[in-house]
């Protein structure tokens, strides 16, 4: 199973946006996706719960 990681110590560089867009594109192709965020804001989980895959 391939693993993709988006990492940068600097904030505000678009990691969350890139991760959510990439995960969405992969999921739309019918692949299983797990998106895990380690930032204290947990925005990945929040965004995914707002727009669940169909």
Protein backbone atom coordinates (compact mmCIF):
# COMPACT_ATOMS: atom_id res chain seq x y z
CA UNK A 1 0.00 0.00 0.00
CA UNK A 2 1.54 3.33 -1.04
CA UNK A 3 1.95 6.02 1.61
CA UNK A 4 2.04 9.74 0.83
CA UNK A 5 3.21 12.22 3.45
CA UNK A 6 3.08 16.02 3.24
CA UNK A 7 5.41 17.50 5.83
CA UNK A 8 6.81 20.95 6.53
CA UNK A 9 7.74 22.57 9.83
CA UNK A 10 6.54 25.94 8.56
CA UNK A 11 2.90 26.86 9.04
CA UNK A 12 0.71 28.43 6.39
CA UNK A 13 2.28 26.74 3.38
CA UNK A 14 -0.82 24.84 2.23
CA UNK A 15 -0.17 21.38 3.67
CA UNK A 16 -3.77 20.85 4.76
CA UNK A 17 -5.19 22.12 1.49
CA UNK A 18 -2.82 19.96 -0.55
CA UNK A 19 -3.54 16.88 1.58
CA UNK A 20 -7.33 17.28 1.36
CA UNK A 21 -7.26 17.89 -2.41
CA UNK A 22 -4.95 14.93 -2.99
CA UNK A 23 -7.04 12.63 -0.77
CA UNK A 24 -10.21 13.72 -2.56
CA UNK A 25 -8.74 13.02 -5.98
CA UNK A 26 -7.54 9.56 -4.92
CA UNK A 27 -10.90 8.72 -3.32
CA UNK A 28 -12.77 9.81 -6.44
CA UNK A 29 -10.78 7.19 -8.36
CA UNK A 30 -12.24 4.54 -6.05
CA UNK A 31 -9.18 4.04 -3.86
CA UNK A 32 -9.30 3.80 -0.07
CA UNK A 33 -7.90 6.88 1.68
CA UNK A 34 -7.00 7.57 5.28
CA UNK A 35 -6.17 11.20 6.06
CA UNK A 36 -4.46 11.80 9.40
CA UNK A 37 -3.48 15.23 10.64
CA UNK A 38 -1.12 15.81 13.53
CA UNK A 39 -1.61 19.55 13.83
CA UNK A 40 -3.35 20.79 16.95
CA UNK A 41 -6.15 22.38 14.87
CA UNK A 42 -7.20 19.03 13.30
CA UNK A 43 -8.52 20.74 10.19
CA UNK A 44 -8.21 17.62 8.01
CA UNK A 45 -10.70 15.72 10.13
CA UNK A 46 -13.04 18.70 10.21
CA UNK A 47 -12.97 19.16 6.43
CA UNK A 48 -13.47 15.47 5.73
CA UNK A 49 -16.46 15.28 8.04
CA UNK A 50 -18.05 18.22 6.24
CA UNK A 51 -17.69 16.62 2.81
CA UNK A 52 -17.90 12.84 3.18
CA UNK A 53 -17.10 10.70 0.15
CA UNK A 54 -20.10 9.33 -1.70
